[in-house]
Amino acid sequence: MDFSVNVEYLDETHALIVLQGRLNAVHAADVKKQIKDSVVEKRNLIILDLNGVEFMDSSGLAALVTGLKTTRDAAGYLRLLGANKQVLSVLKLTRLDRVFELYDDLDAARGAS
């Protein structure tokens, strides 16, 4: 499966970034760039939709951590939506499941404080 990154601006401050495919070293830079671009556009409240991510390696994880730092530096947040078992296992193994906000529902991710 090819990798894709699609962005939807939900409102003046929220961006939904939808990822599809394998989040690995080849595609991590694309994710970091899109998060940074969204923050530059003043959309620092970012929900990263991982429903279509079939696999994530350490480079993909590093992209998420970089995105978290980028959004926090802009007084925003990065929330993860729909992580599958493999992605969750990587987050749990690294204990980053305690750092990231994880959601199964877009409305809950948008509405959380």
N, C-alpha and C. Protein backbone atom coordinates (compact mmCIF):
# COMPACT_ATOMS: atom_id res chain seq x y z
N MET A 1 0.84 -1.18 0.00
CA MET A 1 0.00 0.00 0.00
C MET A 1 0.88 1.24 0.00
N ASP A 2 0.55 2.19 -0.82
CA ASP A 2 1.25 3.47 -0.83
C ASP A 2 0.90 4.25 0.42
N PHE A 3 1.78 5.18 0.78
CA PHE A 3 1.55 6.01 1.94
C PHE A 3 0.94 7.32 1.48
N SER A 4 -0.01 7.83 2.26
CA SER A 4 -0.59 9.14 1.94
C SER A 4 -0.85 9.92 3.22
N VAL A 5 -0.76 11.23 3.07
CA VAL A 5 -1.06 12.17 4.15
C VAL A 5 -2.06 13.16 3.60
N ASN A 6 -3.24 13.21 4.19
CA ASN A 6 -4.27 14.15 3.76
C ASN A 6 -4.68 15.03 4.93
N VAL A 7 -4.83 16.30 4.66
CA VAL A 7 -5.16 17.25 5.72
C VAL A 7 -6.53 17.86 5.47
N GLU A 8 -7.29 17.95 6.54
CA GLU A 8 -8.57 18.64 6.49
C GLU A 8 -8.57 19.66 7.62
N TYR A 9 -8.76 20.92 7.27
CA TYR A 9 -8.86 21.96 8.29
C TYR A 9 -10.30 21.98 8.78
N LEU A 10 -10.49 21.61 10.03
CA LEU A 10 -11.83 21.48 10.60
C LEU A 10 -12.42 22.83 10.98
N ASP A 11 -11.57 23.75 11.39
CA ASP A 11 -11.98 25.12 11.71
C ASP A 11 -10.71 25.97 11.77
N GLU A 12 -10.80 27.13 12.42
CA GLU A 12 -9.67 28.07 12.43
C GLU A 12 -8.47 27.55 13.21
N THR A 13 -8.67 26.61 14.12
CA THR A 13 -7.56 26.13 14.95
C THR A 13 -7.29 24.63 14.85
N HIS A 14 -8.25 23.84 14.36
CA HIS A 14 -8.13 22.39 14.31
C HIS A 14 -7.76 21.90 12.91
N ALA A 15 -6.84 20.93 12.91
CA ALA A 15 -6.51 20.22 11.67
C ALA A 15 -6.64 18.73 11.93
N LEU A 16 -7.22 18.04 10.97
CA LEU A 16 -7.28 16.58 10.99
C LEU A 16 -6.31 16.09 9.93
N ILE A 17 -5.29 15.36 10.35
CA ILE A 17 -4.30 14.82 9.41
C ILE A 17 -4.53 13.32 9.35
N VAL A 18 -4.90 12.84 8.17
CA VAL A 18 -5.25 11.43 7.97
C VAL A 18 -4.08 10.72 7.29
N LEU A 19 -3.59 9.68 7.95
CA LEU A 19 -2.47 8.90 7.43
C LEU A 19 -2.98 7.55 6.93
N GLN A 20 -2.41 7.08 5.82
CA GLN A 20 -2.76 5.79 5.24
C GLN A 20 -1.47 5.07 4.85
N GLY A 21 -1.33 3.82 5.26
CA GLY A 21 -0.17 3.02 4.85
C GLY A 21 0.80 2.75 5.98
N ARG A 22 2.06 2.58 5.62
CA ARG A 22 3.11 2.23 6.57
C ARG A 22 3.86 3.49 6.99
N LEU A 23 3.81 3.79 8.27
CA LEU A 23 4.51 4.96 8.81
C LEU A 23 5.90 4.52 9.25
N ASN A 24 6.86 4.71 8.35
CA ASN A 24 8.23 4.26 8.60
C ASN A 24 9.22 5.34 8.21
N ALA A 25 10.50 5.00 8.15
CA ALA A 25 11.55 5.97 7.88
C ALA A 25 11.34 6.68 6.54
N VAL A 26 10.78 6.00 5.58
CA VAL A 26 10.57 6.58 4.26
C VAL A 26 9.55 7.73 4.31
N HIS A 27 8.56 7.63 5.20
CA HIS A 27 7.45 8.59 5.21
C HIS A 27 7.38 9.48 6.44
N ALA A 28 8.25 9.27 7.41
CA ALA A 28 8.21 10.04 8.65
C ALA A 28 8.38 11.53 8.39
N ALA A 29 9.26 11.90 7.48
CA ALA A 29 9.49 13.32 7.18
C ALA A 29 8.23 13.99 6.63
N ASP A 30 7.44 13.26 5.86
CA ASP A 30 6.19 13.80 5.31
C ASP A 30 5.22 14.16 6.44
N VAL A 31 5.16 13.30 7.45
CA VAL A 31 4.26 13.53 8.58
C VAL A 31 4.73 14.74 9.38
N LYS A 32 6.02 14.81 9.67
CA LYS A 32 6.56 15.94 10.42
C LYS A 32 6.32 17.25 9.68
N LYS A 33 6.52 17.23 8.36
CA LYS A 33 6.32 18.45 7.56
C LYS A 33 4.86 18.88 7.59
N GLN A 34 3.94 17.95 7.49
CA GLN A 34 2.53 18.32 7.47
C GLN A 34 2.08 18.88 8.81
N ILE A 35 2.58 18.31 9.89
CA ILE A 35 2.26 18.84 11.22
C ILE A 35 2.81 20.26 11.35
N LYS A 36 4.06 20.44 10.94
CA LYS A 36 4.67 21.77 11.01
C LYS A 36 3.91 22.77 10.15
N ASP A 37 3.55 22.38 8.93
CA ASP A 37 2.80 23.26 8.04
C ASP A 37 1.46 23.66 8.65
N SER A 38 0.79 22.73 9.31
CA SER A 38 -0.49 23.04 9.94
C SER A 38 -0.31 24.04 11.07
N VAL A 39 0.74 23.88 11.85
CA VAL A 39 1.02 24.83 12.93
C VAL A 39 1.34 26.21 12.36
N VAL A 40 2.09 26.25 11.29
CA VAL A 40 2.40 27.53 10.63
C VAL A 40 1.11 28.20 10.15
N GLU A 41 0.14 27.42 9.74
CA GLU A 41 -1.16 27.94 9.30
C GLU A 41 -2.07 28.29 10.48
N LYS A 42 -1.52 28.27 11.69
CA LYS A 42 -2.23 28.61 12.93
C LYS A 42 -3.25 27.55 13.33
N ARG A 43 -3.07 26.36 12.83
CA ARG A 43 -3.91 25.23 13.25
C ARG A 43 -3.06 24.34 14.12
N ASN A 44 -2.92 24.74 15.39
CA ASN A 44 -2.03 24.05 16.31
C ASN A 44 -2.75 22.99 17.15
N LEU A 45 -4.05 22.82 16.93
CA LEU A 45 -4.82 21.77 17.58
C LEU A 45 -5.00 20.66 16.55
N ILE A 46 -4.15 19.64 16.64
CA ILE A 46 -4.05 18.65 15.58
C ILE A 46 -4.49 17.28 16.06
N ILE A 47 -5.34 16.66 15.25
CA ILE A 47 -5.75 15.28 15.47
C ILE A 47 -5.15 14.47 14.34
N LEU A 48 -4.35 13.49 14.71
CA LEU A 48 -3.69 12.62 13.74
C LEU A 48 -4.48 11.32 13.64
N ASP A 49 -5.14 11.12 12.51
CA ASP A 49 -5.98 9.94 12.30
C ASP A 49 -5.10 8.79 11.82
N LEU A 50 -4.96 7.79 12.70
CA LEU A 50 -4.11 6.64 12.41
C LEU A 50 -4.91 5.40 12.00
N ASN A 51 -6.20 5.57 11.75
CA ASN A 51 -7.03 4.42 11.38
C ASN A 51 -6.48 3.66 10.18
N GLY A 52 -5.85 4.35 9.26
CA GLY A 52 -5.33 3.71 8.05
C GLY A 52 -3.87 3.31 8.13
N VAL A 53 -3.25 3.50 9.29
CA VAL A 53 -1.84 3.12 9.45
C VAL A 53 -1.77 1.65 9.80
N GLU A 54 -1.20 0.86 8.90
CA GLU A 54 -1.13 -0.58 9.12
C GLU A 54 0.12 -0.99 9.90
N PHE A 55 1.16 -0.12 9.91
CA PHE A 55 2.41 -0.44 10.58
C PHE A 55 3.14 0.86 10.92
N MET A 56 3.78 0.88 12.09
CA MET A 56 4.60 2.03 12.46
C MET A 56 5.90 1.52 13.09
N ASP A 57 7.03 2.07 12.63
CA ASP A 57 8.32 1.70 13.22
C ASP A 57 8.85 2.85 14.07
N SER A 58 10.09 2.74 14.52
CA SER A 58 10.66 3.75 15.40
C SER A 58 10.77 5.11 14.73
N SER A 59 10.97 5.15 13.44
CA SER A 59 11.03 6.43 12.72
C SER A 59 9.66 7.09 12.70
N GLY A 60 8.63 6.30 12.53
CA GLY A 60 7.27 6.82 12.61
C GLY A 60 6.96 7.34 14.00
N LEU A 61 7.41 6.61 15.00
CA LEU A 61 7.22 7.04 16.38
C LEU A 61 7.95 8.36 16.63
N ALA A 62 9.15 8.48 16.11
CA ALA A 62 9.91 9.72 16.25
C ALA A 62 9.18 10.89 15.59
N ALA A 63 8.52 10.64 14.47
CA ALA A 63 7.74 11.69 13.81
C ALA A 63 6.60 12.15 14.70
N LEU A 64 5.95 11.21 15.40
CA LEU A 64 4.87 11.58 16.31
C LEU A 64 5.40 12.40 17.48
N VAL A 65 6.53 12.01 18.03
CA VAL A 65 7.12 12.74 19.15
C VAL A 65 7.52 14.15 18.71
N THR A 66 8.10 14.27 17.54
CA THR A 66 8.46 15.58 17.00
C THR A 66 7.21 16.43 16.80
N GLY A 67 6.15 15.82 16.27
CA GLY A 67 4.89 16.53 16.09
C GLY A 67 4.30 17.00 17.40
N LEU A 68 4.41 16.17 18.43
CA LEU A 68 3.92 16.54 19.75
C LEU A 68 4.67 17.77 20.27
N LYS A 69 5.97 17.75 20.12
CA LYS A 69 6.79 18.89 20.56
C LYS A 69 6.44 20.15 19.76
N THR A 70 6.28 20.01 18.46
CA THR A 70 5.93 21.14 17.60
C THR A 70 4.62 21.78 18.03
N THR A 71 3.61 20.96 18.28
CA THR A 71 2.30 21.51 18.66
C THR A 71 2.33 22.09 20.06
N ARG A 72 3.03 21.44 20.97
CA ARG A 72 3.13 21.98 22.34
C ARG A 72 3.87 23.31 22.36
N ASP A 73 4.92 23.42 21.55
CA ASP A 73 5.66 24.68 21.47
C ASP A 73 4.78 25.82 20.95
N ALA A 74 3.74 25.46 20.21
CA ALA A 74 2.80 26.45 19.67
C ALA A 74 1.54 26.56 20.54
N ALA A 75 1.64 26.09 21.79
CA ALA A 75 0.52 26.11 22.75
C ALA A 75 -0.68 25.32 22.23
N GLY A 76 -0.40 24.23 21.53
CA GLY A 76 -1.46 23.39 21.00
C GLY A 76 -1.36 21.97 21.52
N TYR A 77 -1.92 21.04 20.76
CA TYR A 77 -1.84 19.63 21.11
C TYR A 77 -1.81 18.77 19.86
N LEU A 78 -1.35 17.55 20.06
CA LEU A 78 -1.41 16.51 19.05
C LEU A 78 -2.11 15.32 19.69
N ARG A 79 -3.27 14.96 19.16
CA ARG A 79 -4.04 13.83 19.67
C ARG A 79 -4.07 12.75 18.61
N LEU A 80 -4.00 11.51 19.07
CA LEU A 80 -3.97 10.37 18.16
C LEU A 80 -5.34 9.70 18.13
N LEU A 81 -5.81 9.42 16.93
CA LEU A 81 -7.13 8.84 16.71
C LEU A 81 -6.99 7.49 16.02
N GLY A 82 -7.63 6.47 16.59
CA GLY A 82 -7.78 5.18 15.91
C GLY A 82 -6.53 4.36 15.72
N ALA A 83 -5.65 4.34 16.70
CA ALA A 83 -4.44 3.52 16.59
C ALA A 83 -4.80 2.04 16.67
N ASN A 84 -4.24 1.26 15.74
CA ASN A 84 -4.51 -0.19 15.74
C ASN A 84 -3.63 -0.90 16.77
N LYS A 85 -3.74 -2.22 16.87
CA LYS A 85 -3.01 -2.99 17.87
C LYS A 85 -1.50 -2.85 17.72
N GLN A 86 -1.01 -2.85 16.49
CA GLN A 86 0.45 -2.76 16.29
C GLN A 86 0.96 -1.40 16.74
N VAL A 87 0.27 -0.34 16.37
CA VAL A 87 0.68 1.01 16.76
C VAL A 87 0.59 1.15 18.28
N LEU A 88 -0.49 0.66 18.85
CA LEU A 88 -0.64 0.72 20.31
C LEU A 88 0.46 -0.04 21.02
N SER A 89 0.87 -1.18 20.47
CA SER A 89 1.93 -1.95 21.12
C SER A 89 3.26 -1.18 21.10
N VAL A 90 3.54 -0.47 20.03
CA VAL A 90 4.75 0.36 19.97
C VAL A 90 4.66 1.48 21.01
N LEU A 91 3.51 2.11 21.10
CA LEU A 91 3.33 3.18 22.08
C LEU A 91 3.45 2.65 23.51
N LYS A 92 2.87 1.49 23.77
CA LYS A 92 2.94 0.91 25.12
C LYS A 92 4.35 0.44 25.46
N LEU A 93 5.02 -0.17 24.51
CA LEU A 93 6.37 -0.65 24.73
C LEU A 93 7.32 0.49 25.11
N THR A 94 7.11 1.64 24.51
CA THR A 94 7.96 2.81 24.78
C THR A 94 7.38 3.70 25.87
N ARG A 95 6.24 3.29 26.41
CA ARG A 95 5.50 4.03 27.44
C ARG A 95 5.01 5.39 26.97
N LEU A 96 4.98 5.58 25.68
CA LEU A 96 4.46 6.83 25.13
C LEU A 96 2.94 6.85 25.12
N ASP A 97 2.30 5.72 25.42
CA ASP A 97 0.85 5.72 25.58
C ASP A 97 0.44 6.57 26.77
N ARG A 98 1.39 6.86 27.65
CA ARG A 98 1.14 7.73 28.80
C ARG A 98 1.35 9.20 28.46
N VAL A 99 1.98 9.45 27.33
CA VAL A 99 2.30 10.82 26.92
C VAL A 99 1.27 11.34 25.91
N PHE A 100 0.92 10.49 24.95
CA PHE A 100 -0.04 10.88 23.92
C PHE A 100 -1.47 10.71 24.41
N GLU A 101 -2.34 11.57 23.92
CA GLU A 101 -3.77 11.42 24.15
C GLU A 101 -4.31 10.54 23.04
N LEU A 102 -4.92 9.41 23.41
CA LEU A 102 -5.41 8.42 22.45
C LEU A 102 -6.93 8.40 22.46
N TYR A 103 -7.52 8.41 21.27
CA TYR A 103 -8.97 8.43 21.11
C TYR A 103 -9.42 7.45 20.05
N ASP A 104 -10.65 6.98 20.19
CA ASP A 104 -11.28 6.10 19.19
C ASP A 104 -12.33 6.85 18.39
N ASP A 105 -12.68 8.06 18.81
CA ASP A 105 -13.77 8.82 18.22
C ASP A 105 -13.33 10.25 17.94
N LEU A 106 -13.59 10.72 16.72
CA LEU A 106 -13.18 12.06 16.34
C LEU A 106 -13.83 13.14 17.19
N ASP A 107 -15.11 13.00 17.46
CA ASP A 107 -15.80 14.01 18.28
C ASP A 107 -15.20 14.08 19.68
N ALA A 108 -14.85 12.94 20.25
CA ALA A 108 -14.23 12.93 21.57
C ALA A 108 -12.85 13.59 21.51
N ALA A 109 -12.11 13.33 20.45
CA ALA A 109 -10.78 13.95 20.31
C ALA A 109 -10.88 15.46 20.17
N ARG A 110 -11.86 15.91 19.44
CA ARG A 110 -12.05 17.38 19.29
C ARG A 110 -12.53 18.04 20.57
N GLY A 111 -13.40 17.33 21.30
CA GLY A 111 -14.04 17.92 22.46
C GLY A 111 -13.26 17.82 23.75
N ALA A 112 -12.24 16.99 23.78
CA ALA A 112 -11.47 16.80 25.01
C ALA A 112 -10.72 18.08 25.35
N SER A 113 -10.57 18.33 26.63
CA SER A 113 -9.86 19.55 27.06
C SER A 113 -8.47 19.23 27.49
